[in-house]
């Protein structure tokens, strides 16, 4: 049995799924995310967090999303060097 702390068993929804979800857009990804929240543990990545939070226009929406997303386990993905190298290619 996989424990909750085993992040390999958790899906990492892409930023577009979260953005559509918070904007109330009905897409296959946002529908899946909506139906899986509370039933499936998710992980969050730093780049996904950045992309999602950058889209908020109001402080209230930003804080609600931030608090929800920061409650998830985070997974290190690549690191700073890889991110900077990837940005140049």
N, C-alpha and C. Protein backbone atom coordinates (compact mmCIF):
# COMPACT_ATOMS: atom_id res chain seq x y z
N UNK A 1 0.83 -1.18 0.00
CA UNK A 1 0.00 0.00 0.00
C UNK A 1 0.88 1.25 0.00
N UNK A 2 0.51 2.22 -0.81
CA UNK A 2 1.28 3.45 -0.92
C UNK A 2 0.80 4.45 0.12
N UNK A 3 1.73 5.04 0.83
CA UNK A 3 1.34 6.02 1.85
C UNK A 3 1.13 7.38 1.21
N UNK A 4 0.46 8.25 1.94
CA UNK A 4 0.20 9.61 1.45
C UNK A 4 1.50 10.35 1.20
N UNK A 5 2.53 10.06 1.97
CA UNK A 5 3.80 10.75 1.83
C UNK A 5 4.61 10.28 0.63
N UNK A 6 4.20 9.21 -0.01
CA UNK A 6 4.88 8.73 -1.21
C UNK A 6 4.37 9.55 -2.38
N UNK A 7 5.08 10.62 -2.74
CA UNK A 7 4.63 11.56 -3.75
C UNK A 7 4.56 10.95 -5.15
N UNK A 8 5.20 9.82 -5.35
CA UNK A 8 5.17 9.21 -6.68
C UNK A 8 3.77 8.73 -7.04
N UNK A 9 2.90 8.57 -6.07
CA UNK A 9 1.55 8.10 -6.34
C UNK A 9 0.56 9.25 -6.53
N UNK A 10 1.01 10.49 -6.42
CA UNK A 10 0.13 11.64 -6.51
C UNK A 10 0.23 12.28 -7.90
N UNK A 11 -0.90 12.62 -8.48
CA UNK A 11 -0.82 13.33 -9.76
C UNK A 11 -0.37 14.78 -9.55
N UNK A 12 0.27 15.31 -10.57
CA UNK A 12 0.68 16.70 -10.61
C UNK A 12 -0.13 17.39 -11.69
N UNK A 13 -1.27 17.99 -11.33
CA UNK A 13 -2.07 18.66 -12.35
C UNK A 13 -1.28 19.82 -12.96
N UNK A 14 -1.39 20.01 -14.27
CA UNK A 14 -0.66 21.10 -14.92
C UNK A 14 -1.26 22.46 -14.56
N UNK A 15 -0.49 23.50 -14.78
CA UNK A 15 -0.96 24.84 -14.45
C UNK A 15 -2.26 25.18 -15.18
N UNK A 16 -2.41 24.71 -16.41
CA UNK A 16 -3.63 25.03 -17.17
C UNK A 16 -4.87 24.45 -16.51
N UNK A 17 -4.76 23.28 -15.89
CA UNK A 17 -5.91 22.69 -15.20
C UNK A 17 -6.31 23.56 -14.02
N UNK A 18 -5.33 24.02 -13.25
CA UNK A 18 -5.62 24.89 -12.10
C UNK A 18 -6.17 26.23 -12.55
N UNK A 19 -5.58 26.80 -13.59
CA UNK A 19 -6.04 28.11 -14.08
C UNK A 19 -7.48 28.01 -14.55
N UNK A 20 -7.79 26.99 -15.34
CA UNK A 20 -9.18 26.80 -15.78
C UNK A 20 -10.10 26.56 -14.59
N UNK A 21 -9.65 25.78 -13.63
CA UNK A 21 -10.45 25.49 -12.43
C UNK A 21 -10.79 26.78 -11.68
N UNK A 22 -9.78 27.60 -11.40
CA UNK A 22 -10.02 28.83 -10.64
C UNK A 22 -10.81 29.86 -11.44
N UNK A 23 -10.71 29.82 -12.77
CA UNK A 23 -11.47 30.75 -13.62
C UNK A 23 -12.87 30.24 -13.94
N UNK A 24 -13.20 29.04 -13.47
CA UNK A 24 -14.53 28.48 -13.73
C UNK A 24 -14.72 28.00 -15.16
N UNK A 25 -13.61 27.78 -15.87
CA UNK A 25 -13.67 27.27 -17.24
C UNK A 25 -13.91 25.76 -17.21
N UNK A 26 -14.84 25.31 -18.03
CA UNK A 26 -15.15 23.88 -18.08
C UNK A 26 -14.33 23.24 -19.21
N UNK A 27 -13.30 22.51 -18.79
CA UNK A 27 -12.44 21.79 -19.74
C UNK A 27 -12.28 20.37 -19.20
N UNK A 28 -11.83 19.44 -20.02
CA UNK A 28 -11.61 18.08 -19.50
C UNK A 28 -10.65 18.07 -18.30
N UNK A 29 -9.59 18.89 -18.35
CA UNK A 29 -8.64 18.92 -17.24
C UNK A 29 -9.25 19.52 -15.98
N UNK A 30 -9.98 20.63 -16.12
CA UNK A 30 -10.57 21.24 -14.93
C UNK A 30 -11.69 20.37 -14.36
N UNK A 31 -12.42 19.68 -15.23
CA UNK A 31 -13.45 18.75 -14.75
C UNK A 31 -12.82 17.61 -13.95
N UNK A 32 -11.71 17.06 -14.48
CA UNK A 32 -11.02 16.00 -13.75
C UNK A 32 -10.50 16.51 -12.42
N UNK A 33 -9.90 17.70 -12.43
CA UNK A 33 -9.37 18.27 -11.20
C UNK A 33 -10.48 18.47 -10.18
N UNK A 34 -11.60 19.03 -10.61
CA UNK A 34 -12.73 19.26 -9.72
C UNK A 34 -13.22 17.95 -9.10
N UNK A 35 -13.35 16.92 -9.93
CA UNK A 35 -13.87 15.65 -9.42
C UNK A 35 -12.87 14.91 -8.55
N UNK A 36 -11.58 15.20 -8.72
CA UNK A 36 -10.57 14.48 -7.96
C UNK A 36 -10.19 15.17 -6.65
N UNK A 37 -10.45 16.46 -6.53
CA UNK A 37 -10.10 17.17 -5.29
C UNK A 37 -10.89 16.58 -4.13
N UNK A 38 -10.20 16.28 -3.07
CA UNK A 38 -10.82 15.66 -1.91
C UNK A 38 -10.82 14.15 -1.97
N UNK A 39 -10.61 13.60 -3.17
CA UNK A 39 -10.59 12.14 -3.35
C UNK A 39 -9.21 11.62 -3.68
N UNK A 40 -8.41 12.43 -4.33
CA UNK A 40 -7.09 12.03 -4.79
C UNK A 40 -6.08 13.04 -4.28
N UNK A 41 -5.06 12.60 -3.56
CA UNK A 41 -4.04 13.56 -3.13
C UNK A 41 -3.20 14.02 -4.32
N UNK A 42 -2.95 15.30 -4.38
CA UNK A 42 -2.17 15.89 -5.47
C UNK A 42 -0.86 16.44 -4.92
N UNK A 43 0.09 16.62 -5.81
CA UNK A 43 1.32 17.33 -5.46
C UNK A 43 1.35 18.63 -6.24
N UNK A 44 2.20 19.52 -5.80
CA UNK A 44 2.34 20.83 -6.44
C UNK A 44 3.80 21.03 -6.77
N UNK A 45 4.05 21.71 -7.87
CA UNK A 45 5.40 22.10 -8.26
C UNK A 45 5.54 23.61 -8.18
N UNK A 46 6.75 24.08 -7.94
CA UNK A 46 6.97 25.52 -7.77
C UNK A 46 6.62 26.31 -9.02
N UNK A 47 6.95 25.79 -10.19
CA UNK A 47 6.63 26.51 -11.42
C UNK A 47 5.12 26.55 -11.66
N UNK A 48 4.44 25.47 -11.34
CA UNK A 48 2.98 25.44 -11.47
C UNK A 48 2.37 26.47 -10.53
N UNK A 49 2.84 26.50 -9.28
CA UNK A 49 2.35 27.47 -8.31
C UNK A 49 2.53 28.90 -8.83
N UNK A 50 3.69 29.19 -9.36
CA UNK A 50 3.97 30.53 -9.88
C UNK A 50 3.00 30.89 -11.01
N UNK A 51 2.86 29.99 -11.97
CA UNK A 51 1.99 30.26 -13.12
C UNK A 51 0.54 30.49 -12.69
N UNK A 52 0.07 29.67 -11.77
CA UNK A 52 -1.32 29.79 -11.34
C UNK A 52 -1.54 31.10 -10.58
N UNK A 53 -0.67 31.40 -9.63
CA UNK A 53 -0.87 32.59 -8.80
C UNK A 53 -0.68 33.88 -9.57
N UNK A 54 0.12 33.88 -10.62
CA UNK A 54 0.31 35.10 -11.40
C UNK A 54 -0.97 35.56 -12.08
N UNK A 55 -1.91 34.67 -12.26
CA UNK A 55 -3.14 35.02 -12.97
C UNK A 55 -4.20 35.71 -12.14
N UNK A 56 -4.01 35.80 -10.85
CA UNK A 56 -5.05 36.40 -10.01
C UNK A 56 -4.97 37.91 -10.02
N UNK A 57 -6.13 38.54 -10.20
CA UNK A 57 -6.21 40.00 -10.22
C UNK A 57 -6.54 40.57 -8.84
N UNK A 58 -7.21 39.78 -8.01
CA UNK A 58 -7.61 40.29 -6.69
C UNK A 58 -6.77 39.63 -5.60
N UNK A 59 -6.52 40.40 -4.56
CA UNK A 59 -5.79 39.86 -3.41
C UNK A 59 -6.56 38.72 -2.76
N UNK A 60 -7.88 38.85 -2.70
CA UNK A 60 -8.70 37.82 -2.06
C UNK A 60 -8.56 36.49 -2.79
N UNK A 61 -8.71 36.50 -4.11
CA UNK A 61 -8.57 35.28 -4.90
C UNK A 61 -7.18 34.69 -4.80
N UNK A 62 -6.17 35.57 -4.83
CA UNK A 62 -4.78 35.14 -4.70
C UNK A 62 -4.57 34.41 -3.38
N UNK A 63 -5.06 34.99 -2.30
CA UNK A 63 -4.85 34.41 -0.97
C UNK A 63 -5.57 33.07 -0.81
N UNK A 64 -6.77 32.99 -1.35
CA UNK A 64 -7.52 31.72 -1.27
C UNK A 64 -6.78 30.62 -2.02
N UNK A 65 -6.37 30.93 -3.26
CA UNK A 65 -5.65 29.94 -4.06
C UNK A 65 -4.31 29.58 -3.43
N UNK A 66 -3.59 30.59 -2.96
CA UNK A 66 -2.29 30.35 -2.33
C UNK A 66 -2.43 29.42 -1.14
N UNK A 67 -3.41 29.67 -0.29
CA UNK A 67 -3.59 28.84 0.89
C UNK A 67 -3.96 27.41 0.52
N UNK A 68 -4.81 27.26 -0.49
CA UNK A 68 -5.18 25.91 -0.94
C UNK A 68 -3.97 25.18 -1.51
N UNK A 69 -3.24 25.84 -2.39
CA UNK A 69 -2.13 25.19 -3.07
C UNK A 69 -0.95 24.93 -2.14
N UNK A 70 -0.71 25.82 -1.18
CA UNK A 70 0.40 25.60 -0.24
C UNK A 70 0.10 24.48 0.75
N UNK A 71 -1.15 24.05 0.82
CA UNK A 71 -1.51 22.93 1.68
C UNK A 71 -1.16 21.58 1.07
N UNK A 72 -0.68 21.59 -0.16
CA UNK A 72 -0.32 20.34 -0.84
C UNK A 72 1.16 20.06 -0.65
N UNK A 73 1.54 18.80 -0.74
CA UNK A 73 2.97 18.50 -0.72
C UNK A 73 3.62 19.01 -2.01
N UNK A 74 4.83 19.52 -1.87
CA UNK A 74 5.57 20.03 -3.03
C UNK A 74 6.63 19.02 -3.45
N UNK A 75 6.88 19.01 -4.73
CA UNK A 75 7.89 18.12 -5.30
C UNK A 75 8.92 18.97 -6.02
N UNK A 76 10.18 18.79 -5.66
CA UNK A 76 11.25 19.48 -6.37
C UNK A 76 11.34 18.91 -7.77
N UNK A 77 11.37 19.79 -8.75
CA UNK A 77 11.38 19.33 -10.13
C UNK A 77 12.46 20.08 -10.90
N UNK A 78 13.58 19.48 -11.05
CA UNK A 78 14.61 20.05 -11.89
C UNK A 78 15.57 20.98 -11.19
N UNK A 79 15.08 21.93 -10.47
CA UNK A 79 15.92 22.88 -9.78
C UNK A 79 16.17 24.14 -10.58
N UNK A 80 16.78 25.09 -9.94
CA UNK A 80 17.02 26.40 -10.53
C UNK A 80 17.91 26.34 -11.76
N UNK A 81 19.00 25.60 -11.69
CA UNK A 81 19.91 25.53 -12.83
C UNK A 81 19.21 25.00 -14.08
N UNK A 82 18.43 23.97 -13.92
CA UNK A 82 17.71 23.40 -15.07
C UNK A 82 16.68 24.39 -15.60
N UNK A 83 15.99 25.07 -14.72
CA UNK A 83 14.99 26.05 -15.15
C UNK A 83 15.64 27.15 -15.98
N UNK A 84 16.77 27.66 -15.51
CA UNK A 84 17.45 28.74 -16.24
C UNK A 84 18.02 28.24 -17.56
N UNK A 85 18.56 27.04 -17.56
CA UNK A 85 19.09 26.46 -18.79
C UNK A 85 17.96 26.24 -19.80
N UNK A 86 16.85 25.75 -19.34
CA UNK A 86 15.71 25.49 -20.23
C UNK A 86 15.15 26.77 -20.82
N UNK A 87 15.19 27.84 -20.05
CA UNK A 87 14.67 29.11 -20.53
C UNK A 87 15.50 29.67 -21.68
N UNK A 88 16.75 29.25 -21.78
CA UNK A 88 17.64 29.77 -22.81
C UNK A 88 17.61 28.93 -24.08
N UNK A 89 16.88 27.82 -24.07
CA UNK A 89 16.84 26.97 -25.27
C UNK A 89 15.54 27.10 -25.99
